[in-house]
Amino acid sequence: LDPKLLGKQAMKCKAYAKALHYKETEFHSDKSVPVLESLISINNKLGQKEAAAGLLEYGKLHKQGELKVRERWYEKLNEWDKALEAYKKEQMSNEHGVDPEILLGQMRCYEALGEWGQLHEISCDNWNKVTEEM
């Protein structure tokens, strides 16, 4: 059977350890960004934060420009400074004004870092800009 299929089915069944095995096998032959992203996600689900962080660093070094670092990855790794920096960078590149997801991500980071003044400031600055849909 195809390891990709077995890995996909293992993920559906939430058999993350088995899914990790098949994704690692796939990674040895195909070091593509989607496989790398899957490995980061699976390691996060298994609570293997060091492995996920290592894969993230590998991706940043070897897949420059291809790997879109997701801010939530840093949050899951408890790397709040890096997550906040990534959210700020994303906000600057956002042309559509206030993105509620980015704003909430920044707020989570400030809370985790204990930056209550910054959290209050960002809340006050954006209170009237967001809709009730948030």
Protein backbone atom coordinates (compact mmCIF):
# COMPACT_ATOMS: atom_id res chain seq x y z
CA LEU A 1 0.00 0.00 0.00
CA ASP A 2 1.03 3.55 -0.66
CA PRO A 3 2.53 5.25 2.44
CA LYS A 4 0.78 8.53 1.51
CA LEU A 5 -2.58 6.79 1.64
CA LEU A 6 -1.74 5.05 4.91
CA GLY A 7 -0.61 8.34 6.43
CA LYS A 8 -3.76 10.12 5.30
CA GLN A 9 -5.94 7.38 6.78
CA ALA A 10 -3.96 7.40 10.03
CA MET A 11 -4.63 11.15 10.34
CA LYS A 12 -8.35 10.60 9.75
CA CYS A 13 -8.37 8.00 12.55
CA LYS A 14 -6.32 10.32 14.79
CA ALA A 15 -3.57 7.72 14.98
CA TYR A 16 -0.96 10.48 15.03
CA ALA A 17 2.03 8.30 15.92
CA LYS A 18 1.36 6.08 12.91
CA ALA A 19 0.71 9.15 10.74
CA LEU A 20 4.05 10.54 11.87
CA HIS A 21 5.79 7.32 10.86
CA TYR A 22 4.33 7.44 7.35
CA LYS A 23 4.98 11.18 6.92
CA GLU A 24 8.59 10.74 8.00
CA THR A 25 8.95 7.96 5.44
CA GLU A 26 7.44 10.24 2.82
CA PHE A 27 9.74 13.10 3.89
CA HIS A 28 12.84 11.01 3.16
CA SER A 29 11.84 10.82 -0.50
CA ASP A 30 9.90 14.11 -0.86
CA LYS A 31 11.12 17.09 1.15
CA SER A 32 8.31 19.31 -0.15
CA VAL A 33 6.64 22.10 1.80
CA PRO A 34 3.27 20.29 2.22
CA VAL A 35 5.02 17.25 3.71
CA LEU A 36 7.05 19.50 6.01
CA GLU A 37 3.91 21.35 7.12
CA SER A 38 2.20 18.04 7.84
CA LEU A 39 5.15 16.87 9.93
CA ILE A 40 5.09 20.09 11.97
CA SER A 41 1.36 19.72 12.55
CA ILE A 42 1.58 16.04 13.54
CA ASN A 43 4.45 16.69 15.95
CA ASN A 44 2.41 19.48 17.53
CA LYS A 45 -0.54 17.14 17.94
CA LEU A 46 1.73 14.61 19.63
CA GLY A 47 3.14 17.27 21.94
CA GLN A 48 6.62 16.91 20.48
CA LYS A 49 7.39 20.61 20.53
CA GLU A 50 11.14 20.23 20.06
CA ALA A 51 10.66 18.14 16.93
CA ALA A 52 8.13 20.63 15.55
CA ALA A 53 10.49 23.53 16.31
CA GLY A 54 13.35 21.69 14.61
CA LEU A 55 11.26 21.07 11.51
CA LEU A 56 10.22 24.71 11.47
CA GLU A 57 13.87 25.80 11.61
CA TYR A 58 14.75 23.29 8.88
CA GLY A 59 11.98 24.72 6.71
CA LYS A 60 13.09 28.29 7.28
CA LEU A 61 16.68 27.39 6.34
CA HIS A 62 16.06 25.09 3.38
CA LYS A 63 12.71 26.23 2.02
CA GLN A 64 13.16 29.99 2.15
CA GLY A 65 10.26 31.72 0.46
CA GLU A 66 8.38 28.46 -0.07
CA LEU A 67 7.39 27.78 3.53
CA LYS A 68 4.78 30.21 4.80
CA VAL A 69 5.39 30.22 8.53
CA ARG A 70 2.07 30.18 10.29
CA GLU A 71 1.86 32.35 13.34
CA ARG A 72 -0.15 29.71 15.20
CA TRP A 73 2.80 27.31 14.96
CA TYR A 74 4.83 29.64 17.14
CA GLU A 75 1.94 29.90 19.58
CA LYS A 76 1.69 26.13 19.85
CA LEU A 77 5.43 25.99 20.48
CA ASN A 78 5.05 28.65 23.21
CA GLU A 79 7.41 30.93 21.32
CA TRP A 80 5.30 34.00 22.00
CA ASP A 81 7.90 36.59 20.95
CA LYS A 82 8.29 34.98 17.54
CA ALA A 83 4.53 34.61 17.18
CA LEU A 84 3.98 38.28 18.02
CA GLU A 85 6.65 39.32 15.53
CA ALA A 86 5.06 37.14 12.84
CA TYR A 87 1.61 38.62 13.56
CA LYS A 88 3.00 42.15 13.36
CA LYS A 89 4.69 41.35 10.03
CA GLU A 90 1.44 39.85 8.73
CA GLN A 91 -0.53 42.92 9.87
CA MET A 92 1.86 45.23 8.01
CA SER A 93 1.43 43.26 4.80
CA ASN A 94 -2.36 43.15 5.19
CA GLU A 95 -3.95 45.67 2.84
CA HIS A 96 -7.52 45.20 4.06
CA GLY A 97 -7.26 47.09 7.33
CA VAL A 98 -7.84 45.26 10.58
CA ASP A 99 -7.87 41.48 10.29
CA PRO A 100 -9.63 40.09 13.36
CA GLU A 101 -7.59 36.86 13.33
CA ILE A 102 -4.30 38.76 13.33
CA LEU A 103 -5.57 41.10 16.03
CA LEU A 104 -6.69 38.22 18.25
CA GLY A 105 -3.35 36.48 17.69
CA GLN A 106 -1.48 39.57 18.82
CA MET A 107 -3.72 39.81 21.87
CA ARG A 108 -3.04 36.16 22.79
CA CYS A 109 0.69 36.84 22.52
CA TYR A 110 0.54 39.95 24.70
CA GLU A 111 -1.49 38.03 27.27
CA ALA A 112 0.97 35.11 27.32
CA LEU A 113 3.90 37.51 27.63
CA GLY A 114 2.20 39.41 30.45
CA GLU A 115 2.31 42.63 28.45
CA TRP A 116 -0.90 43.99 29.95
CA GLY A 117 -0.22 47.59 28.90
CA GLN A 118 0.27 46.58 25.28
CA LEU A 119 -2.82 44.37 25.42
CA HIS A 120 -4.90 47.25 26.78
CA GLU A 121 -3.50 49.62 24.15
CA ILE A 122 -4.23 47.31 21.21
CA SER A 123 -7.71 46.66 22.58
CA CYS A 124 -8.50 50.37 22.93
CA ASP A 125 -7.02 51.23 19.52
CA ASN A 126 -9.09 48.62 17.71
CA TRP A 127 -12.29 48.46 19.75
CA ASN A 128 -14.33 50.50 17.27
CA LYS A 129 -12.70 49.04 14.15
CA VAL A 130 -13.93 45.48 14.56
CA THR A 131 -17.44 44.30 13.99
CA GLU A 132 -19.56 42.26 16.31
CA GLU A 133 -18.90 39.21 14.11
CA MET A 134 -15.69 38.56 16.03
